[in-house]
C-alpha cells in the first residue's frame, strides 16, 4: 500500500505494466517482425557467385567479350543501377545471349520480367541460365559488380590479384617488365 496519500492512483511501474498488457491484448500477444536492416555487402560471396555465373561471358574483369551467348556487354562501362542490374541478372535480356537466372522468371501469370510471360515470347527469344540463383544471390552479385567492377577503368594487376588472389600466375601479364612481367615488344614489331 502506498503511503503518499494517493492510495487510489497506481504507481508508474503499474501504469507501464498496464500499457504493455493492453498492447499485448490488442496485438494478440504476437510480436511484429521488423524488416532486417541490410547487412554489409558480402563481396567474397559476390565474387564467388560472379565467377560461377557471370565470368564465362563477362570475363573475370567485367569487360565482356565473346561467350557462349555471344558478345557480353562490359560491366565496367555499364550505366545500369543496382535495381537494373538485378533485373537483368534475374530476367536476362530477351533477344540477346543474356540468360535469365530466376527459375520462374517467365512462368505463371505474374509477368514479373519486363511484363512478359512465356506465352509472350517466341521460342529461343530468352535463354535460361545453366544454373538458377536465388533473389538474394542476385543481389549479392549486383553489389559485387557495383563495388568491384563498374566504373573501374581498364583492368590491371591489382584488379587481377583482387579477383584471383595473391600469387596467381594469371596476373603476370599485367606486371610491368620491372616487376617480372612480359617485356614490351620491340618498336616496329
C-alpha atoms as a PDB file:
ATOM      1  CA  UNK A   1       0.000   0.000   0.000  1.00  0.00           C
ATOM      2  CA  UNK A   2       1.273   3.445  -0.845  1.00  0.00           C
ATOM      3  CA  UNK A   3       1.770   5.955   1.942  1.00  0.00           C
ATOM      4  CA  UNK A   4       1.993   9.137  -0.117  1.00  0.00           C
ATOM      5  CA  UNK A   5      -1.661   9.951   0.181  1.00  0.00           C
ATOM      6  CA  UNK A   6      -2.576   8.832  -3.377  1.00  0.00           C
ATOM      7  CA  UNK A   7      -3.901   5.391  -2.487  1.00  0.00           C
ATOM      8  CA  UNK A   8      -6.256   5.401  -5.470  1.00  0.00           C
ATOM      9  CA  UNK A   9      -3.728   6.007  -8.297  1.00  0.00           C
ATOM     10  CA  UNK A  10      -1.334   3.271  -9.472  1.00  0.00           C
ATOM     11  CA  UNK A  11       2.433   3.755  -9.403  1.00  0.00           C
ATOM     12  CA  UNK A  12       4.339   4.496 -12.660  1.00  0.00           C
ATOM     13  CA  UNK A  13       5.534   0.871 -12.759  1.00  0.00           C
ATOM     14  CA  UNK A  14       1.990  -0.449 -12.550  1.00  0.00           C
ATOM     15  CA  UNK A  15       0.819   2.041 -15.203  1.00  0.00           C
ATOM     16  CA  UNK A  16       3.626   0.833 -17.516  1.00  0.00           C
ATOM     17  CA  UNK A  17       2.652  -2.800 -16.979  1.00  0.00           C
ATOM     18  CA  UNK A  18      -0.981  -1.947 -17.748  1.00  0.00           C
ATOM     19  CA  UNK A  19       0.063  -0.300 -21.046  1.00  0.00           C
ATOM     20  CA  UNK A  20       2.123  -3.373 -22.012  1.00  0.00           C
ATOM     21  CA  UNK A  21      -0.791  -5.666 -21.115  1.00  0.00           C
ATOM     22  CA  UNK A  22      -3.164  -3.557 -23.210  1.00  0.00           C
ATOM     23  CA  UNK A  23      -0.801  -3.672 -26.204  1.00  0.00           C
ATOM     24  CA  UNK A  24      -0.471  -7.436 -25.887  1.00  0.00           C
ATOM     25  CA  UNK A  25      -4.239  -7.768 -25.765  1.00  0.00           C
ATOM     26  CA  UNK A  26      -4.710  -5.612 -28.873  1.00  0.00           C
ATOM     27  CA  UNK A  27      -1.979  -7.354 -30.895  1.00  0.00           C
ATOM     28  CA  UNK A  28      -2.900 -10.826 -29.738  1.00  0.00           C
ATOM     29  CA  UNK A  29       0.408 -11.165 -27.916  1.00  0.00           C
ATOM     30  CA  UNK A  30       2.332 -11.522 -31.162  1.00  0.00           C
ATOM     31  CA  UNK A  31       5.453  -9.519 -31.768  1.00  0.00           C
ATOM     32  CA  UNK A  32       5.525  -7.740 -35.080  1.00  0.00           C
ATOM     33  CA  UNK A  33       8.619  -8.540 -37.088  1.00  0.00           C
ATOM     34  CA  UNK A  34      10.540  -5.532 -38.318  1.00  0.00           C
ATOM     35  CA  UNK A  35      12.393  -5.752 -41.613  1.00  0.00           C
ATOM     36  CA  UNK A  36      16.029  -6.538 -41.019  1.00  0.00           C
ATOM     37  CA  UNK A  37      18.463  -3.751 -41.721  1.00  0.00           C
ATOM     38  CA  UNK A  38      20.642  -4.543 -44.699  1.00  0.00           C
ATOM     39  CA  UNK A  39      23.886  -6.169 -43.660  1.00  0.00           C
ATOM     40  CA  UNK A  40      27.315  -5.408 -45.024  1.00  0.00           C
ATOM     41  CA  UNK A  41      27.951  -6.279 -48.629  1.00  0.00           C
ATOM     42  CA  UNK A  42      29.467  -9.751 -48.834  1.00  0.00           C
ATOM     43  CA  UNK A  43      31.993  -9.165 -51.596  1.00  0.00           C
ATOM     44  CA  UNK A  44      33.656 -12.566 -51.259  1.00  0.00           C
ATOM     45  CA  UNK A  45      30.346 -14.356 -51.818  1.00  0.00           C
ATOM     46  CA  UNK A  46      29.575 -11.926 -54.639  1.00  0.00           C
ATOM     47  CA  UNK A  47      32.908 -12.720 -56.272  1.00  0.00           C
ATOM     48  CA  UNK A  48      32.304 -16.471 -55.903  1.00  0.00           C
ATOM     49  CA  UNK A  49      28.827 -16.198 -57.459  1.00  0.00           C
ATOM     50  CA  UNK A  50      30.099 -13.858 -60.201  1.00  0.00           C
ATOM     51  CA  UNK A  51      32.916 -16.295 -61.034  1.00  0.00           C
ATOM     52  CA  UNK A  52      30.494 -19.223 -61.271  1.00  0.00           C
ATOM     53  CA  UNK A  53      27.669 -17.470 -63.149  1.00  0.00           C
ATOM     54  CA  UNK A  54      28.953 -14.383 -64.956  1.00  0.00           C
ATOM     55  CA  UNK A  55      32.667 -14.618 -65.710  1.00  0.00           C
ATOM     56  CA  UNK A  56      32.130 -17.105 -68.536  1.00  0.00           C
ATOM     57  CA  UNK A  57      30.733 -14.291 -70.665  1.00  0.00           C
ATOM     58  CA  UNK A  58      31.642 -11.037 -68.911  1.00  0.00           C
ATOM     59  CA  UNK A  59      35.153 -12.353 -68.078  1.00  0.00           C
ATOM     60  CA  UNK A  60      36.853 -12.024 -64.705  1.00  0.00           C
ATOM     61  CA  UNK A  61      37.441  -8.317 -65.296  1.00  0.00           C
ATOM     62  CA  UNK A  62      33.897  -7.465 -66.407  1.00  0.00           C
ATOM     63  CA  UNK A  63      34.913  -6.082 -69.810  1.00  0.00           C
ATOM     64  CA  UNK A  64      32.761  -8.640 -71.568  1.00  0.00           C
ATOM     65  CA  UNK A  65      33.544 -10.082 -74.942  1.00  0.00           C
ATOM     66  CA  UNK A  66      32.739 -13.405 -76.547  1.00  0.00           C
ATOM     67  CA  UNK A  67      30.974 -16.047 -74.515  1.00  0.00           C
ATOM     68  CA  UNK A  68      28.528 -18.890 -75.047  1.00  0.00           C
ATOM     69  CA  UNK A  69      25.716 -16.419 -75.656  1.00  0.00           C
ATOM     70  CA  UNK A  70      27.581 -14.041 -77.912  1.00  0.00           C
ATOM     71  CA  UNK A  71      29.411 -10.834 -77.081  1.00  0.00           C
ATOM     72  CA  UNK A  72      28.684  -9.905 -73.488  1.00  0.00           C
ATOM     73  CA  UNK A  73      28.491  -6.221 -72.655  1.00  0.00           C
ATOM     74  CA  UNK A  74      31.098  -4.527 -70.483  1.00  0.00           C
ATOM     75  CA  UNK A  75      30.069  -4.240 -66.859  1.00  0.00           C
ATOM     76  CA  UNK A  76      32.911  -1.786 -66.317  1.00  0.00           C
ATOM     77  CA  UNK A  77      31.188   0.685 -68.642  1.00  0.00           C
ATOM     78  CA  UNK A  78      27.567  -0.087 -67.782  1.00  0.00           C
ATOM     79  CA  UNK A  79      25.201   2.723 -66.848  1.00  0.00           C
ATOM     80  CA  UNK A  80      22.801   0.346 -65.085  1.00  0.00           C
ATOM     81  CA  UNK A  81      21.987   0.993 -61.433  1.00  0.00           C
ATOM     82  CA  UNK A  82      21.589  -1.731 -58.786  1.00  0.00           C
ATOM     83  CA  UNK A  83      17.909  -2.417 -59.499  1.00  0.00           C
ATOM     84  CA  UNK A  84      18.545  -2.604 -63.238  1.00  0.00           C
ATOM     85  CA  UNK A  85      21.472  -4.986 -62.737  1.00  0.00           C
ATOM     86  CA  UNK A  86      19.283  -7.191 -60.526  1.00  0.00           C
ATOM     87  CA  UNK A  87      16.524  -7.212 -63.146  1.00  0.00           C
ATOM     88  CA  UNK A  88      18.987  -8.040 -65.916  1.00  0.00           C
ATOM     89  CA  UNK A  89      20.543 -10.925 -63.987  1.00  0.00           C
ATOM     90  CA  UNK A  90      17.175 -12.295 -62.908  1.00  0.00           C
ATOM     91  CA  UNK A  91      15.281 -11.790 -66.162  1.00  0.00           C
ATOM     92  CA  UNK A  92      18.059 -11.886 -68.724  1.00  0.00           C
ATOM     93  CA  UNK A  93      17.658  -9.828 -71.866  1.00  0.00           C
ATOM     94  CA  UNK A  94      15.199 -11.293 -74.354  1.00  0.00           C
ATOM     95  CA  UNK A  95      16.542 -11.377 -77.881  1.00  0.00           C
ATOM     96  CA  UNK A  96      20.180 -11.431 -76.724  1.00  0.00           C
ATOM     97  CA  UNK A  97      22.506 -14.052 -75.302  1.00  0.00           C
ATOM     98  CA  UNK A  98      21.985 -12.824 -71.715  1.00  0.00           C
ATOM     99  CA  UNK A  99      20.198 -15.689 -69.906  1.00  0.00           C
ATOM    100  CA  UNK A 100      17.756 -15.349 -67.042  1.00  0.00           C
ATOM    101  CA  UNK A 101      18.838 -16.669 -63.650  1.00  0.00           C
ATOM    102  CA  UNK A 102      15.497 -16.695 -61.786  1.00  0.00           C
ATOM    103  CA  UNK A 103      13.940 -20.135 -62.018  1.00  0.00           C
ATOM    104  CA  UNK A 104      10.388 -18.896 -62.617  1.00  0.00           C
ATOM    105  CA  UNK A 105      11.220 -15.641 -64.397  1.00  0.00           C
ATOM    106  CA  UNK A 106       8.703 -16.115 -67.216  1.00  0.00           C
ATOM    107  CA  UNK A 107       6.361 -18.672 -65.657  1.00  0.00           C
ATOM    108  CA  UNK A 108       2.897 -18.046 -64.262  1.00  0.00           C
ATOM    109  CA  UNK A 109       0.600 -15.090 -64.655  1.00  0.00           C
ATOM    110  CA  UNK A 110       2.697 -12.561 -62.706  1.00  0.00           C
ATOM    111  CA  UNK A 111       4.764 -11.434 -65.718  1.00  0.00           C
ATOM    112  CA  UNK A 112       7.495 -10.222 -63.365  1.00  0.00           C
ATOM    113  CA  UNK A 113      10.115  -9.804 -66.092  1.00  0.00           C
ATOM    114  CA  UNK A 114       9.535  -6.852 -68.396  1.00  0.00           C
ATOM    115  CA  UNK A 115       5.789  -7.551 -68.270  1.00  0.00           C
ATOM    116  CA  UNK A 116       6.303 -10.717 -70.327  1.00  0.00           C
ATOM    117  CA  UNK A 117       5.287 -14.310 -69.764  1.00  0.00           C
ATOM    118  CA  UNK A 118       6.317 -17.480 -71.575  1.00  0.00           C
ATOM    119  CA  UNK A 119       3.305 -17.116 -73.907  1.00  0.00           C
ATOM    120  CA  UNK A 120       4.540 -13.676 -74.983  1.00  0.00           C
ATOM    121  CA  UNK A 121       7.940 -14.966 -76.084  1.00  0.00           C
ATOM    122  CA  UNK A 122       8.805 -16.791 -79.254  1.00  0.00           C
ATOM    123  CA  UNK A 123      10.888 -19.975 -78.833  1.00  0.00           C
ATOM    124  CA  UNK A 124      14.535 -19.194 -78.172  1.00  0.00           C
ATOM    125  CA  UNK A 125      13.855 -15.499 -77.518  1.00  0.00           C
ATOM    126  CA  UNK A 126      15.048 -15.788 -73.930  1.00  0.00           C
ATOM    127  CA  UNK A 127      17.644 -18.239 -72.654  1.00  0.00           C
ATOM    128  CA  UNK A 128      17.624 -19.988 -69.293  1.00  0.00           C
ATOM    129  CA  UNK A 129      20.916 -19.949 -67.400  1.00  0.00           C
ATOM    130  CA  UNK A 130      22.780 -23.175 -66.742  1.00  0.00           C
ATOM    131  CA  UNK A 131      22.177 -22.623 -63.019  1.00  0.00           C
ATOM    132  CA  UNK A 132      19.408 -20.659 -61.352  1.00  0.00           C
ATOM    133  CA  UNK A 133      20.013 -18.223 -58.499  1.00  0.00           C
ATOM    134  CA  UNK A 134      18.011 -17.070 -55.501  1.00  0.00           C
ATOM    135  CA  UNK A 135      16.925 -13.427 -55.420  1.00  0.00           C
ATOM    136  CA  UNK A 136      19.327 -12.797 -52.524  1.00  0.00           C
ATOM    137  CA  UNK A 137      22.243 -14.238 -54.529  1.00  0.00           C
ATOM    138  CA  UNK A 138      21.389 -11.993 -57.457  1.00  0.00           C
ATOM    139  CA  UNK A 139      21.507  -9.001 -55.109  1.00  0.00           C
ATOM    140  CA  UNK A 140      24.933 -10.071 -53.826  1.00  0.00           C
ATOM    141  CA  UNK A 141      26.248 -10.317 -57.398  1.00  0.00           C
ATOM    142  CA  UNK A 142      24.860  -6.850 -58.188  1.00  0.00           C
ATOM    143  CA  UNK A 143      26.583  -5.457 -55.090  1.00  0.00           C
ATOM    144  CA  UNK A 144      29.861  -7.091 -56.151  1.00  0.00           C
ATOM    145  CA  UNK A 145      29.597  -5.616 -59.673  1.00  0.00           C
ATOM    146  CA  UNK A 146      28.909  -2.155 -58.251  1.00  0.00           C
ATOM    147  CA  UNK A 147      31.764  -2.344 -55.735  1.00  0.00           C
ATOM    148  CA  UNK A 148      34.467  -4.091 -57.752  1.00  0.00           C
ATOM    149  CA  UNK A 149      33.692  -3.811 -61.466  1.00  0.00           C
ATOM    150  CA  UNK A 150      31.511  -0.905 -62.597  1.00  0.00           C
ATOM    151  CA  UNK A 151      33.425   2.277 -63.363  1.00  0.00           C
ATOM    152  CA  UNK A 152      36.833   0.823 -62.524  1.00  0.00           C
ATOM    153  CA  UNK A 153      38.508   1.587 -65.860  1.00  0.00           C
ATOM    154  CA  UNK A 154      40.771  -0.886 -67.621  1.00  0.00           C
ATOM    155  CA  UNK A 155      41.732  -3.929 -65.550  1.00  0.00           C
ATOM    156  CA  UNK A 156      45.247  -4.100 -64.166  1.00  0.00           C
ATOM    157  CA  UNK A 157      47.496  -6.145 -61.952  1.00  0.00           C
ATOM    158  CA  UNK A 158      45.780  -5.129 -58.689  1.00  0.00           C
ATOM    159  CA  UNK A 159      42.336  -5.927 -60.117  1.00  0.00           C
ATOM    160  CA  UNK A 160      43.595  -9.323 -61.213  1.00  0.00           C
ATOM    161  CA  UNK A 161      45.077 -10.108 -57.796  1.00  0.00           C
ATOM    162  CA  UNK A 162      41.846  -8.969 -56.157  1.00  0.00           C
ATOM    163  CA  UNK A 163      39.921 -11.493 -58.267  1.00  0.00           C
ATOM    164  CA  UNK A 164      42.315 -14.452 -58.387  1.00  0.00           C
ATOM    165  CA  UNK A 165      44.305 -13.919 -55.198  1.00  0.00           C
ATOM    166  CA  UNK A 166      47.950 -13.240 -54.414  1.00  0.00           C
ATOM    167  CA  UNK A 167      50.449 -15.374 -56.241  1.00  0.00           C
ATOM    168  CA  UNK A 168      48.208 -16.105 -59.225  1.00  0.00           C
ATOM    169  CA  UNK A 169      50.286 -16.561 -62.374  1.00  0.00           C
ATOM    170  CA  UNK A 170      47.268 -15.480 -64.447  1.00  0.00           C
ATOM    171  CA  UNK A 171      48.023 -11.940 -63.329  1.00  0.00           C
ATOM    172  CA  UNK A 172      51.635 -11.913 -64.545  1.00  0.00           C
ATOM    173  CA  UNK A 173      50.567 -10.464 -67.913  1.00  0.00           C
ATOM    174  CA  UNK A 174      49.615  -7.273 -66.049  1.00  0.00           C
ATOM    175  CA  UNK A 175      53.005  -6.844 -64.390  1.00  0.00           C
ATOM    176  CA  UNK A 176      55.446  -4.362 -65.839  1.00  0.00           C
ATOM    177  CA  UNK A 177      58.812  -5.740 -67.072  1.00  0.00           C
ATOM    178  CA  UNK A 178      60.401  -4.255 -63.934  1.00  0.00           C
ATOM    179  CA  UNK A 179      58.018  -6.377 -61.800  1.00  0.00           C
ATOM    180  CA  UNK A 180      58.809  -9.528 -63.751  1.00  0.00           C
ATOM    181  CA  UNK A 181      56.047  -9.222 -66.326  1.00  0.00           C
ATOM    182  CA  UNK A 182      56.333  -9.697 -70.073  1.00  0.00           C
ATOM    183  CA  UNK A 183      58.664  -7.334 -71.872  1.00  0.00           C
ATOM    184  CA  UNK A 184      57.139  -4.828 -74.240  1.00  0.00           C
ATOM    185  CA  UNK A 185      57.534  -5.802 -77.899  1.00  0.00           C
ATOM    186  CA  UNK A 186      60.428  -4.102 -79.654  1.00  0.00           C
ATOM    187  CA  UNK A 187      59.469  -0.926 -81.547  1.00  0.00           C
ATOM    188  CA  UNK A 188      58.259  -1.560 -85.075  1.00  0.00           C
ATOM    189  CA  UNK A 189      57.204  -5.157 -84.431  1.00  0.00           C
END
